[in-house]
C-alpha atoms as a PDB file:
ATOM      1  CA  MET A   1      49.551  61.230 -61.350  1.00  0.00           C
ATOM      2  CA  ALA A   2      50.063  64.758 -60.055  1.00  0.00           C
ATOM      3  CA  HIS A   3      53.317  66.495 -60.745  1.00  0.00           C
ATOM      4  CA  THR A   4      54.987  67.743 -57.594  1.00  0.00           C
ATOM      5  CA  VAL A   5      57.577  70.363 -56.861  1.00  0.00           C
ATOM      6  CA  ARG A   6      60.467  69.532 -54.551  1.00  0.00           C
ATOM      7  CA  PHE A   7      62.278  72.178 -52.454  1.00  0.00           C
ATOM      8  CA  ILE A   8      66.029  72.195 -53.163  1.00  0.00           C
ATOM      9  CA  HIS A   9      67.438  75.160 -51.188  1.00  0.00           C
ATOM     10  CA  LYS A  10      66.710  78.764 -50.204  1.00  0.00           C
ATOM     11  CA  GLY A  11      68.250  80.102 -53.409  1.00  0.00           C
ATOM     12  CA  ASP A  12      70.436  82.971 -52.216  1.00  0.00           C
ATOM     13  CA  ALA A  13      73.209  81.450 -54.329  1.00  0.00           C
ATOM     14  CA  ILE A  14      73.146  78.999 -57.196  1.00  0.00           C
ATOM     15  CA  ASP A  15      75.663  76.465 -58.462  1.00  0.00           C
ATOM     16  CA  TYR A  16      77.631  77.613 -61.494  1.00  0.00           C
ATOM     17  CA  THR A  17      80.306  75.903 -63.573  1.00  0.00           C
ATOM     18  CA  PRO A  18      81.880  78.406 -65.988  1.00  0.00           C
ATOM     19  CA  ALA A  19      83.514  77.531 -69.300  1.00  0.00           C
ATOM     20  CA  GLU A  20      86.131  80.242 -68.572  1.00  0.00           C
ATOM     21  CA  ALA A  21      87.552  81.326 -65.199  1.00  0.00           C
ATOM     22  CA  VAL A  22      85.438  83.855 -63.264  1.00  0.00           C
ATOM     23  CA  SER A  23      86.833  86.267 -60.670  1.00  0.00           C
ATOM     24  CA  ALA A  24      85.195  87.044 -57.323  1.00  0.00           C
ATOM     25  CA  GLY A  25      82.846  89.978 -57.798  1.00  0.00           C
ATOM     26  CA  GLN A  26      82.452  89.364 -61.524  1.00  0.00           C
ATOM     27  CA  VAL A  27      78.928  89.723 -62.907  1.00  0.00           C
ATOM     28  CA  VAL A  28      77.637  86.695 -64.789  1.00  0.00           C
ATOM     29  CA  ALA A  29      74.570  87.175 -66.978  1.00  0.00           C
ATOM     30  CA  SER A  30      72.833  84.441 -68.925  1.00  0.00           C
ATOM     31  CA  ASN A  31      69.494  85.129 -70.571  1.00  0.00           C
ATOM     32  CA  ASP A  32      67.282  86.591 -67.775  1.00  0.00           C
ATOM     33  CA  LEU A  33      69.458  85.414 -64.873  1.00  0.00           C
ATOM     34  CA  LEU A  34      72.148  87.636 -63.398  1.00  0.00           C
ATOM     35  CA  GLY A  35      74.458  86.706 -60.538  1.00  0.00           C
ATOM     36  CA  VAL A  36      77.674  87.799 -58.887  1.00  0.00           C
ATOM     37  CA  ALA A  37      80.556  85.379 -58.304  1.00  0.00           C
ATOM     38  CA  LYS A  38      81.123  85.064 -54.567  1.00  0.00           C
ATOM     39  CA  LEU A  39      84.665  83.694 -54.943  1.00  0.00           C
ATOM     40  CA  ASP A  40      87.037  82.999 -57.830  1.00  0.00           C
ATOM     41  CA  ILE A  41      85.804  80.053 -59.922  1.00  0.00           C
ATOM     42  CA  ALA A  42      88.230  78.126 -62.134  1.00  0.00           C
ATOM     43  CA  ALA A  43      87.143  77.136 -65.633  1.00  0.00           C
ATOM     44  CA  GLY A  44      85.170  73.894 -65.462  1.00  0.00           C
ATOM     45  CA  ALA A  45      84.991  73.960 -61.645  1.00  0.00           C
ATOM     46  CA  LEU A  46      81.791  74.165 -59.608  1.00  0.00           C
ATOM     47  CA  GLY A  47      81.323  77.512 -57.874  1.00  0.00           C
ATOM     48  CA  ALA A  48      78.508  79.755 -56.682  1.00  0.00           C
ATOM     49  CA  LEU A  49      76.785  82.894 -57.887  1.00  0.00           C
ATOM     50  CA  ALA A  50      74.892  85.152 -55.501  1.00  0.00           C
ATOM     51  CA  VAL A  51      71.446  85.877 -56.938  1.00  0.00           C
ATOM     52  CA  THR A  52      70.102  87.808 -53.944  1.00  0.00           C
ATOM     53  CA  GLY A  53      71.614  90.480 -51.763  1.00  0.00           C
ATOM     54  CA  VAL A  54      72.796  94.076 -51.980  1.00  0.00           C
ATOM     55  CA  PHE A  55      75.940  94.925 -53.949  1.00  0.00           C
ATOM     56  CA  ASP A  56      77.851  98.009 -55.073  1.00  0.00           C
ATOM     57  CA  PHE A  57      78.019  97.913 -58.886  1.00  0.00           C
ATOM     58  CA  PRO A  58      80.204 100.151 -61.030  1.00  0.00           C
ATOM     59  CA  LYS A  59      77.939 102.682 -62.714  1.00  0.00           C
ATOM     60  CA  ALA A  60      77.999 104.686 -65.907  1.00  0.00           C
ATOM     61  CA  SER A  61      79.652 108.045 -65.278  1.00  0.00           C
ATOM     62  CA  GLY A  62      77.768 111.270 -65.740  1.00  0.00           C
ATOM     63  CA  SER A  63      74.370 110.015 -64.686  1.00  0.00           C
ATOM     64  CA  ALA A  64      72.686 110.298 -61.317  1.00  0.00           C
ATOM     65  CA  ILE A  65      70.556 107.345 -60.276  1.00  0.00           C
ATOM     66  CA  GLU A  66      67.789 107.853 -57.740  1.00  0.00           C
ATOM     67  CA  PHE A  67      66.705 105.518 -54.935  1.00  0.00           C
ATOM     68  CA  GLY A  68      64.344 102.759 -56.078  1.00  0.00           C
ATOM     69  CA  GLU A  69      65.191 102.853 -59.785  1.00  0.00           C
ATOM     70  CA  SER A  70      65.554  99.686 -61.840  1.00  0.00           C
ATOM     71  CA  VAL A  71      69.073  99.359 -63.227  1.00  0.00           C
ATOM     72  CA  TYR A  72      70.495  97.110 -65.930  1.00  0.00           C
ATOM     73  CA  TRP A  73      73.894  95.525 -66.581  1.00  0.00           C
ATOM     74  CA  ASP A  74      75.726  96.689 -69.694  1.00  0.00           C
ATOM     75  CA  GLU A  75      78.037  93.737 -70.367  1.00  0.00           C
ATOM     76  CA  ALA A  76      80.110  95.605 -72.971  1.00  0.00           C
ATOM     77  CA  GLU A  77      80.841  98.572 -70.672  1.00  0.00           C
ATOM     78  CA  GLU A  78      80.657  96.515 -67.437  1.00  0.00           C
ATOM     79  CA  VAL A  79      78.507  99.132 -65.684  1.00  0.00           C
ATOM     80  CA  ALA A  80      75.042  99.511 -64.217  1.00  0.00           C
ATOM     81  CA  LYS A  81      72.795 101.930 -66.056  1.00  0.00           C
ATOM     82  CA  LEU A  82      69.161 103.018 -66.234  1.00  0.00           C
ATOM     83  CA  ASP A  83      68.758 101.990 -69.888  1.00  0.00           C
ATOM     84  CA  ASP A  84      67.975  98.373 -70.770  1.00  0.00           C
ATOM     85  CA  GLU A  85      68.851  99.243 -74.388  1.00  0.00           C
ATOM     86  CA  SER A  86      65.736  97.595 -75.830  1.00  0.00           C
ATOM     87  CA  GLY A  87      66.214  94.459 -73.746  1.00  0.00           C
ATOM     88  CA  ALA A  88      69.919  93.991 -74.528  1.00  0.00           C
ATOM     89  CA  ASN A  89      70.940  94.760 -70.917  1.00  0.00           C
ATOM     90  CA  PRO A  90      69.650  92.323 -68.282  1.00  0.00           C
ATOM     91  CA  LEU A  91      67.962  93.601 -65.136  1.00  0.00           C
ATOM     92  CA  ILE A  92      70.215  93.791 -62.074  1.00  0.00           C
ATOM     93  CA  GLY A  93      67.590  95.010 -59.615  1.00  0.00           C
ATOM     94  CA  GLN A  94      66.577  98.193 -57.831  1.00  0.00           C
ATOM     95  CA  THR A  95      68.803 100.794 -56.240  1.00  0.00           C
ATOM     96  CA  VAL A  96      68.716 101.105 -52.451  1.00  0.00           C
ATOM     97  CA  ALA A  97      70.668 104.361 -52.291  1.00  0.00           C
ATOM     98  CA  ARG A  98      70.973 107.411 -54.520  1.00  0.00           C
ATOM     99  CA  ALA A  99      74.128 107.681 -56.646  1.00  0.00           C
ATOM    100  CA  ALA A 100      75.295 111.130 -57.766  1.00  0.00           C
ATOM    101  CA  ASP A 101      76.656 111.918 -61.243  1.00  0.00           C
ATOM    102  CA  ASP A 102      80.254 111.608 -60.103  1.00  0.00           C
ATOM    103  CA  ASP A 103      79.815 108.475 -57.931  1.00  0.00           C
ATOM    104  CA  GLU A 104      81.683 105.469 -59.273  1.00  0.00           C
ATOM    105  CA  THR A 105      79.225 102.904 -57.881  1.00  0.00           C
ATOM    106  CA  VAL A 106      75.548 102.428 -57.232  1.00  0.00           C
ATOM    107  CA  ARG A 107      74.119 100.199 -54.474  1.00  0.00           C
ATOM    108  CA  VAL A 108      71.648  97.672 -55.876  1.00  0.00           C
ATOM    109  CA  ARG A 109      69.436  94.940 -54.440  1.00  0.00           C
ATOM    110  CA  LEU A 110      69.445  92.013 -56.842  1.00  0.00           C
ATOM    111  CA  SER A 111      65.904  91.341 -58.054  1.00  0.00           C
ATOM    112  CA  GLN A 112      65.673  88.465 -60.487  1.00  0.00           C
ATOM    113  CA  GLY A 113      62.753  88.783 -62.842  1.00  0.00           C
ATOM    114  CA  TYR A 114      61.147  91.879 -61.265  1.00  0.00           C
ATOM    115  CA  VAL A 115      60.806  94.834 -63.584  1.00  0.00           C
ATOM    116  CA  GLY A 116      59.441  97.945 -61.977  1.00  0.00           C
ATOM    117  CA  ASN A 117      60.339 100.962 -59.962  1.00  0.00           C
ATOM    118  CA  LEU A 118      60.287 101.003 -56.160  1.00  0.00           C
ATOM    119  CA  ASN A 119      59.390 104.706 -56.311  1.00  0.00           C
ATOM    120  CA  ASP A 120      56.264 103.958 -58.359  1.00  0.00           C
ATOM    121  CA  ASP A 121      54.025 102.512 -55.666  1.00  0.00           C
ATOM    122  CA  THR A 122      50.780 103.868 -57.139  1.00  0.00           C
ATOM    123  CA  GLU A 123      49.756 100.565 -58.699  1.00  0.00           C
ATOM    124  CA  ALA A 124      50.765  98.581 -55.609  1.00  0.00           C
ATOM    125  CA  SER A 125      48.822 100.824 -53.237  1.00  0.00           C
ATOM    126  CA  GLU A 126      45.776 100.820 -55.555  1.00  0.00           C
ATOM    127  CA  SER A 127      45.921  97.020 -55.659  1.00  0.00           C
ATOM    128  CA  ALA A 128      46.261  96.777 -51.874  1.00  0.00           C
ATOM    129  CA  SER A 129      43.415  99.229 -51.398  1.00  0.00           C
ATOM    130  CA  ALA A 130      41.149  97.291 -53.775  1.00  0.00           C
ATOM    131  CA  SER A 131      42.051  94.049 -52.016  1.00  0.00           C
ATOM    132  CA  ALA A 132      41.301  95.533 -48.581  1.00  0.00           C
ATOM    133  CA  SER A 133      37.948  96.879 -49.838  1.00  0.00           C
ATOM    134  CA  ALA A 134      37.033  93.490 -51.308  1.00  0.00           C
ATOM    135  CA  SER A 135      37.952  91.735 -48.036  1.00  0.00           C
ATOM    136  CA  ALA A 136      35.885  94.188 -46.001  1.00  0.00           C
ATOM    137  CA  SER A 137      32.947  93.721 -48.371  1.00  0.00           C
ATOM    138  CA  ASP A 138      33.268  89.907 -48.218  1.00  0.00           C
ATOM    139  CA  SER A 139      33.419  90.020 -44.411  1.00  0.00           C
ATOM    140  CA  ALA A 140      30.347  92.236 -44.227  1.00  0.00           C
ATOM    141  CA  SER A 141      28.427  89.921 -46.587  1.00  0.00           C
ATOM    142  CA  ALA A 142      29.435  86.848 -44.599  1.00  0.00           C
ATOM    143  CA  SER A 143      28.256  88.394 -41.322  1.00  0.00           C
ATOM    144  CA  GLY A 144      24.950  89.493 -42.848  1.00  0.00           C
ATOM    145  CA  VAL A 145      25.661  93.215 -42.562  1.00  0.00           C
END
């Protein structure tokens, strides 16, 4: 018997029941999953965490962050930063606006599980180019050219 996958929902938000109360806007990180509480959630009550979208996160002071950079959540300092500290800080996502040294926040698009840099499109364009070349070659072979 084949195993099947069943669609549950779009996944912009996920159900979450915290052991301790969570405030709206609070970052919740567990293993490789990071979400933002949409509303206050009482301890033991079902609530929701946004796992997609664009949010302004507090950022570490004294460091500029460029557009398209991957940023990580430092739970101890409760700030977004460029350093994952050898995997200790979970990925938040990629920045969608530059943040200057003295800015208090950085605008980030949540990106669960993606680790990369939106500015580094070399690999992506090489892959797309190789794919386009292969398709053109396959089409030419199929038509007898």
